[in-house]
Protein backbone atom coordinates (compact mmCIF):
# COMPACT_ATOMS: atom_id res chain seq x y z
CA UNK A 1 11.69 -0.35 -2.60
CA UNK A 2 9.68 2.45 -4.14
CA UNK A 3 10.98 5.97 -4.49
CA UNK A 4 9.45 9.03 -6.09
CA UNK A 5 11.56 11.75 -7.68
CA UNK A 6 10.53 15.35 -8.27
CA UNK A 7 11.85 18.88 -8.54
CA UNK A 8 12.58 20.34 -5.11
CA UNK A 9 10.86 23.73 -4.59
CA UNK A 10 14.21 25.32 -3.66
CA UNK A 11 16.00 23.88 -6.70
CA UNK A 12 17.46 20.58 -7.77
CA UNK A 13 15.83 17.17 -7.61
CA UNK A 14 14.81 15.12 -4.57
CA UNK A 15 14.15 11.41 -4.18
CA UNK A 16 11.85 10.30 -1.35
CA UNK A 17 11.15 6.73 -0.28
CA UNK A 18 7.37 6.32 -0.21
CA UNK A 19 7.54 4.77 3.28
CA UNK A 20 8.69 8.17 4.59
CA UNK A 21 5.49 9.91 3.44
CA UNK A 22 3.06 10.11 6.34
CA UNK A 23 0.37 12.02 4.42
CA UNK A 24 -0.22 13.87 1.17
CA UNK A 25 -2.78 16.55 0.36
CA UNK A 26 -3.59 17.64 -3.17
CA UNK A 27 -5.56 20.69 -4.28
CA UNK A 28 -6.66 20.84 -7.89
CA UNK A 29 -6.32 23.85 -10.15
CA UNK A 30 -9.01 26.49 -9.61
CA UNK A 31 -8.82 29.44 -11.97
CA UNK A 32 -5.36 30.99 -11.94
CA UNK A 33 -4.28 29.05 -8.84
CA UNK A 34 -1.74 26.31 -9.49
CA UNK A 35 -2.25 22.76 -8.29
CA UNK A 36 -0.62 22.20 -4.89
CA UNK A 37 0.70 18.97 -3.38
CA UNK A 38 1.86 18.92 0.23
CA UNK A 39 3.87 15.92 1.40
CA UNK A 40 4.21 15.43 5.15
CA UNK A 41 7.30 13.36 5.75
CA UNK A 42 8.35 11.43 8.81
CA UNK A 43 10.64 12.82 11.52
CA UNK A 44 13.69 12.63 9.21
CA UNK A 45 12.55 15.42 6.88
CA UNK A 46 10.33 18.50 6.75
CA UNK A 47 7.14 18.97 4.77
CA UNK A 48 7.58 19.60 1.06
CA UNK A 49 5.10 21.57 -1.06
CA UNK A 50 5.11 21.19 -4.84
CA UNK A 51 3.15 23.36 -7.28
CA UNK A 52 1.85 23.25 -10.85
CA UNK A 53 2.37 20.46 -13.33
CA UNK A 54 4.99 18.80 -11.10
CA UNK A 55 2.39 18.57 -8.30
CA UNK A 56 -0.10 16.94 -10.63
CA UNK A 57 2.50 14.49 -11.99
CA UNK A 58 3.65 13.40 -8.51
CA UNK A 59 0.04 13.10 -7.27
CA UNK A 60 -0.80 10.77 -10.17
CA UNK A 61 2.31 8.71 -9.38
CA UNK A 62 1.34 8.45 -5.70
CA UNK A 63 -2.17 7.31 -6.66
CA UNK A 64 -0.69 4.37 -8.57
CA UNK A 65 1.10 3.25 -5.39
CA UNK A 66 -2.04 3.21 -3.22
CA UNK A 67 -3.27 -0.32 -2.60
CA UNK A 68 -6.97 -0.83 -2.80
CA UNK A 69 -8.61 -3.90 -1.29
């Protein structure tokens, strides 16, 4: 089972099983705007938005989990 762990935007840490992620959208840094990662989760949880270096770190981790044919 694969989990990802990151800082929750409202404080603390959160662990999410990758099977609960239905989609992820990443916006790179443009000027003074921080990187943004939005994770849409299944019906058990709400969407989570992560910013800055944590967003970039989690995006890179998610990319390693993507299977390519």
